[in-house]
């Protein structure tokens, strides 16, 4: 009878890409230490290879199922690789000097002022159409 597959069997699984060939956990360590460029690794290719590996293991297993620990160890490493790659590829927001105006906040303020002036202009136009051309003084002289 076949023995169940354990996470220690990870050592049998190797990733093969044009840039790297070896264990998956070593790939993660090399990328985290910046000894290997993550942009050169196709994570989809690594995932496809692992799924093929799982199919092979599933067909060799007597029960036809794999322990969740085995799959979850791959998911942890793969998600870390995706996080690292997305941090490298996605643009970062520009850093601002202390006291420097944020263009987004400046635009929002300008739009709020524009809206307020439009409301006041509509109010004054309404008063003019009603023939109310005089205004009472609210502040004491």
C-alpha atoms as a PDB file:
ATOM      1  CA  UNK A   1       0.000   0.000   0.000  1.00  0.00           C
ATOM      2  CA  UNK A   2       1.283   3.493  -0.904  1.00  0.00           C
ATOM      3  CA  UNK A   3       2.274   5.823   1.886  1.00  0.00           C
ATOM      4  CA  UNK A   4       0.577   9.228   1.996  1.00  0.00           C
ATOM      5  CA  UNK A   5       2.474  12.126   0.511  1.00  0.00           C
ATOM      6  CA  UNK A   6       3.901  14.475   3.092  1.00  0.00           C
ATOM      7  CA  UNK A   7       5.174  18.038   2.806  1.00  0.00           C
ATOM      8  CA  UNK A   8       8.711  16.679   3.187  1.00  0.00           C
ATOM      9  CA  UNK A   9       8.263  15.259  -0.324  1.00  0.00           C
ATOM     10  CA  UNK A  10       8.629  18.859  -1.571  1.00  0.00           C
ATOM     11  CA  UNK A  11      12.300  18.083  -2.097  1.00  0.00           C
ATOM     12  CA  UNK A  12      11.297  15.832  -5.024  1.00  0.00           C
ATOM     13  CA  UNK A  13       9.546  18.722  -6.765  1.00  0.00           C
ATOM     14  CA  UNK A  14      11.762  21.050  -8.773  1.00  0.00           C
ATOM     15  CA  UNK A  15      10.912  24.134 -10.781  1.00  0.00           C
ATOM     16  CA  UNK A  16      12.413  24.379 -14.250  1.00  0.00           C
ATOM     17  CA  UNK A  17      12.440  27.733 -16.045  1.00  0.00           C
ATOM     18  CA  UNK A  18      14.895  29.264 -18.494  1.00  0.00           C
ATOM     19  CA  UNK A  19      16.467  31.215 -15.610  1.00  0.00           C
ATOM     20  CA  UNK A  20      16.220  28.770 -12.697  1.00  0.00           C
ATOM     21  CA  UNK A  21      16.033  25.053 -12.035  1.00  0.00           C
ATOM     22  CA  UNK A  22      15.714  23.682  -8.521  1.00  0.00           C
ATOM     23  CA  UNK A  23      13.482  23.437  -5.449  1.00  0.00           C
ATOM     24  CA  UNK A  24      10.640  25.930  -5.093  1.00  0.00           C
ATOM     25  CA  UNK A  25      11.602  27.082  -1.594  1.00  0.00           C
ATOM     26  CA  UNK A  26      15.144  27.849  -2.796  1.00  0.00           C
ATOM     27  CA  UNK A  27      13.661  29.942  -5.609  1.00  0.00           C
ATOM     28  CA  UNK A  28      11.792  32.020  -3.045  1.00  0.00           C
ATOM     29  CA  UNK A  29      14.936  32.470  -0.927  1.00  0.00           C
ATOM     30  CA  UNK A  30      17.000  33.592  -3.929  1.00  0.00           C
ATOM     31  CA  UNK A  31      14.372  36.115  -4.951  1.00  0.00           C
ATOM     32  CA  UNK A  32      13.979  37.484  -1.410  1.00  0.00           C
ATOM     33  CA  UNK A  33      17.763  37.944  -1.149  1.00  0.00           C
ATOM     34  CA  UNK A  34      17.719  39.702  -4.574  1.00  0.00           C
ATOM     35  CA  UNK A  35      20.096  37.136  -6.047  1.00  0.00           C
ATOM     36  CA  UNK A  36      17.558  36.303  -8.752  1.00  0.00           C
ATOM     37  CA  UNK A  37      15.399  38.769 -10.714  1.00  0.00           C
ATOM     38  CA  UNK A  38      11.707  38.002 -10.141  1.00  0.00           C
ATOM     39  CA  UNK A  39      10.745  39.651 -13.435  1.00  0.00           C
ATOM     40  CA  UNK A  40      12.584  36.880 -15.293  1.00  0.00           C
ATOM     41  CA  UNK A  41      10.455  34.149 -13.661  1.00  0.00           C
ATOM     42  CA  UNK A  42       7.081  33.257 -15.181  1.00  0.00           C
ATOM     43  CA  UNK A  43       4.926  32.442 -12.172  1.00  0.00           C
ATOM     44  CA  UNK A  44       2.265  30.924 -14.435  1.00  0.00           C
ATOM     45  CA  UNK A  45       4.865  28.461 -15.697  1.00  0.00           C
ATOM     46  CA  UNK A  46       5.844  27.546 -12.115  1.00  0.00           C
ATOM     47  CA  UNK A  47       2.175  27.025 -11.244  1.00  0.00           C
ATOM     48  CA  UNK A  48       1.541  24.880 -14.343  1.00  0.00           C
ATOM     49  CA  UNK A  49       4.525  22.704 -13.468  1.00  0.00           C
ATOM     50  CA  UNK A  50       3.297  22.278  -9.909  1.00  0.00           C
ATOM     51  CA  UNK A  51      -0.214  21.351 -11.066  1.00  0.00           C
ATOM     52  CA  UNK A  52       1.266  18.731 -13.396  1.00  0.00           C
ATOM     53  CA  UNK A  53       3.335  17.465 -10.458  1.00  0.00           C
ATOM     54  CA  UNK A  54       0.171  17.246  -8.325  1.00  0.00           C
ATOM     55  CA  UNK A  55      -1.616  15.282 -11.057  1.00  0.00           C
ATOM     56  CA  UNK A  56       1.274  12.829 -11.160  1.00  0.00           C
ATOM     57  CA  UNK A  57       1.259  12.433  -7.379  1.00  0.00           C
ATOM     58  CA  UNK A  58      -2.517  12.044  -7.308  1.00  0.00           C
ATOM     59  CA  UNK A  59      -2.375   9.264  -9.892  1.00  0.00           C
ATOM     60  CA  UNK A  60       0.388   7.489  -7.927  1.00  0.00           C
ATOM     61  CA  UNK A  61      -1.463   7.802  -4.603  1.00  0.00           C
ATOM     62  CA  UNK A  62      -3.642   4.914  -3.506  1.00  0.00           C
ATOM     63  CA  UNK A  63      -6.389   7.220  -2.253  1.00  0.00           C
ATOM     64  CA  UNK A  64      -6.240   9.640  -5.162  1.00  0.00           C
ATOM     65  CA  UNK A  65      -6.077  12.630  -2.842  1.00  0.00           C
ATOM     66  CA  UNK A  66      -3.297  14.784  -1.460  1.00  0.00           C
ATOM     67  CA  UNK A  67      -2.885  16.109   2.079  1.00  0.00           C
ATOM     68  CA  UNK A  68      -3.883  19.774   2.365  1.00  0.00           C
ATOM     69  CA  UNK A  69      -0.510  20.579   3.986  1.00  0.00           C
ATOM     70  CA  UNK A  70       1.285  19.698   0.763  1.00  0.00           C
ATOM     71  CA  UNK A  71      -0.836  21.980  -1.398  1.00  0.00           C
ATOM     72  CA  UNK A  72      -0.903  24.766   1.186  1.00  0.00           C
ATOM     73  CA  UNK A  73       2.895  24.882   1.378  1.00  0.00           C
ATOM     74  CA  UNK A  74       2.967  25.567  -2.360  1.00  0.00           C
ATOM     75  CA  UNK A  75       0.235  28.210  -2.023  1.00  0.00           C
ATOM     76  CA  UNK A  76       2.199  30.045   0.663  1.00  0.00           C
ATOM     77  CA  UNK A  77       5.334  30.171  -1.474  1.00  0.00           C
ATOM     78  CA  UNK A  78       3.429  31.030  -4.666  1.00  0.00           C
ATOM     79  CA  UNK A  79       1.510  33.859  -2.994  1.00  0.00           C
ATOM     80  CA  UNK A  80       4.766  35.306  -1.638  1.00  0.00           C
ATOM     81  CA  UNK A  81       6.265  35.161  -5.149  1.00  0.00           C
ATOM     82  CA  UNK A  82       3.211  36.940  -6.574  1.00  0.00           C
ATOM     83  CA  UNK A  83       3.425  39.617  -3.891  1.00  0.00           C
ATOM     84  CA  UNK A  84       7.126  40.232  -4.575  1.00  0.00           C
ATOM     85  CA  UNK A  85       6.579  40.349  -8.329  1.00  0.00           C
ATOM     86  CA  UNK A  86       3.635  42.748  -8.059  1.00  0.00           C
ATOM     87  CA  UNK A  87       5.664  45.084  -5.813  1.00  0.00           C
ATOM     88  CA  UNK A  88       8.436  45.118  -8.422  1.00  0.00           C
ATOM     89  CA  UNK A  89       6.181  45.618 -11.443  1.00  0.00           C
ATOM     90  CA  UNK A  90       3.537  48.047 -10.158  1.00  0.00           C
ATOM     91  CA  UNK A  91       4.430  51.745 -10.066  1.00  0.00           C
ATOM     92  CA  UNK A  92       4.809  53.355  -6.683  1.00  0.00           C
ATOM     93  CA  UNK A  93       3.171  56.678  -5.828  1.00  0.00           C
ATOM     94  CA  UNK A  94       5.639  59.566  -5.924  1.00  0.00           C
ATOM     95  CA  UNK A  95       7.069  60.681  -2.595  1.00  0.00           C
ATOM     96  CA  UNK A  96       6.460  64.292  -1.627  1.00  0.00           C
ATOM     97  CA  UNK A  97       8.637  66.647   0.311  1.00  0.00           C
ATOM     98  CA  UNK A  98       7.256  67.862   3.674  1.00  0.00           C
ATOM     99  CA  UNK A  99       5.008  70.826   3.013  1.00  0.00           C
ATOM    100  CA  UNK A 100       4.695  70.036  -0.690  1.00  0.00           C
ATOM    101  CA  UNK A 101       1.144  70.293  -1.969  1.00  0.00           C
ATOM    102  CA  UNK A 102      -0.569  67.092  -3.038  1.00  0.00           C
ATOM    103  CA  UNK A 103      -1.951  67.600  -6.581  1.00  0.00           C
ATOM    104  CA  UNK A 104      -4.934  65.344  -5.871  1.00  0.00           C
ATOM    105  CA  UNK A 105      -5.886  67.276  -2.750  1.00  0.00           C
ATOM    106  CA  UNK A 106      -5.370  70.604  -4.533  1.00  0.00           C
ATOM    107  CA  UNK A 107      -7.666  69.491  -7.354  1.00  0.00           C
ATOM    108  CA  UNK A 108     -10.335  68.359  -4.878  1.00  0.00           C
ATOM    109  CA  UNK A 109     -10.186  71.739  -3.105  1.00  0.00           C
ATOM    110  CA  UNK A 110     -10.430  73.570  -6.427  1.00  0.00           C
ATOM    111  CA  UNK A 111     -13.480  71.492  -7.417  1.00  0.00           C
ATOM    112  CA  UNK A 112     -15.194  72.190  -4.077  1.00  0.00           C
ATOM    113  CA  UNK A 113     -14.607  75.934  -4.537  1.00  0.00           C
ATOM    114  CA  UNK A 114     -15.890  75.747  -8.113  1.00  0.00           C
ATOM    115  CA  UNK A 115     -19.049  73.975  -6.913  1.00  0.00           C
ATOM    116  CA  UNK A 116     -19.595  76.623  -4.204  1.00  0.00           C
ATOM    117  CA  UNK A 117     -19.243  79.474  -6.736  1.00  0.00           C
ATOM    118  CA  UNK A 118     -21.679  77.737  -9.112  1.00  0.00           C
ATOM    119  CA  UNK A 119     -24.210  77.458  -6.265  1.00  0.00           C
ATOM    120  CA  UNK A 120     -23.784  81.143  -5.350  1.00  0.00           C
ATOM    121  CA  UNK A 121     -24.083  82.181  -9.004  1.00  0.00           C
ATOM    122  CA  UNK A 122     -27.316  80.192  -9.333  1.00  0.00           C
ATOM    123  CA  UNK A 123     -28.627  81.831  -6.119  1.00  0.00           C
ATOM    124  CA  UNK A 124     -27.844  85.335  -7.396  1.00  0.00           C
ATOM    125  CA  UNK A 125     -29.346  84.573 -10.812  1.00  0.00           C
ATOM    126  CA  UNK A 126     -32.528  83.342  -9.116  1.00  0.00           C
ATOM    127  CA  UNK A 127     -32.764  86.539  -7.067  1.00  0.00           C
ATOM    128  CA  UNK A 128     -32.275  88.653 -10.200  1.00  0.00           C
ATOM    129  CA  UNK A 129     -35.035  86.781 -12.044  1.00  0.00           C
ATOM    130  CA  UNK A 130     -37.397  87.413  -9.107  1.00  0.00           C
ATOM    131  CA  UNK A 131     -36.601  91.125  -9.280  1.00  0.00           C
ATOM    132  CA  UNK A 132     -34.891  91.138  -5.912  1.00  0.00           C
ATOM    133  CA  UNK A 133     -32.003  93.477  -6.693  1.00  0.00           C
ATOM    134  CA  UNK A 134     -31.489  94.920  -3.235  1.00  0.00           C
ATOM    135  CA  UNK A 135     -29.834  93.137  -0.340  1.00  0.00           C
ATOM    136  CA  UNK A 136     -30.230  93.869   3.347  1.00  0.00           C
ATOM    137  CA  UNK A 137     -27.178  94.516   5.426  1.00  0.00           C
ATOM    138  CA  UNK A 138     -26.592  91.673   7.884  1.00  0.00           C
ATOM    139  CA  UNK A 139     -23.591  93.116   9.727  1.00  0.00           C
ATOM    140  CA  UNK A 140     -23.970  96.203  11.949  1.00  0.00           C
ATOM    141  CA  UNK A 141     -22.591  99.421  10.431  1.00  0.00           C
END
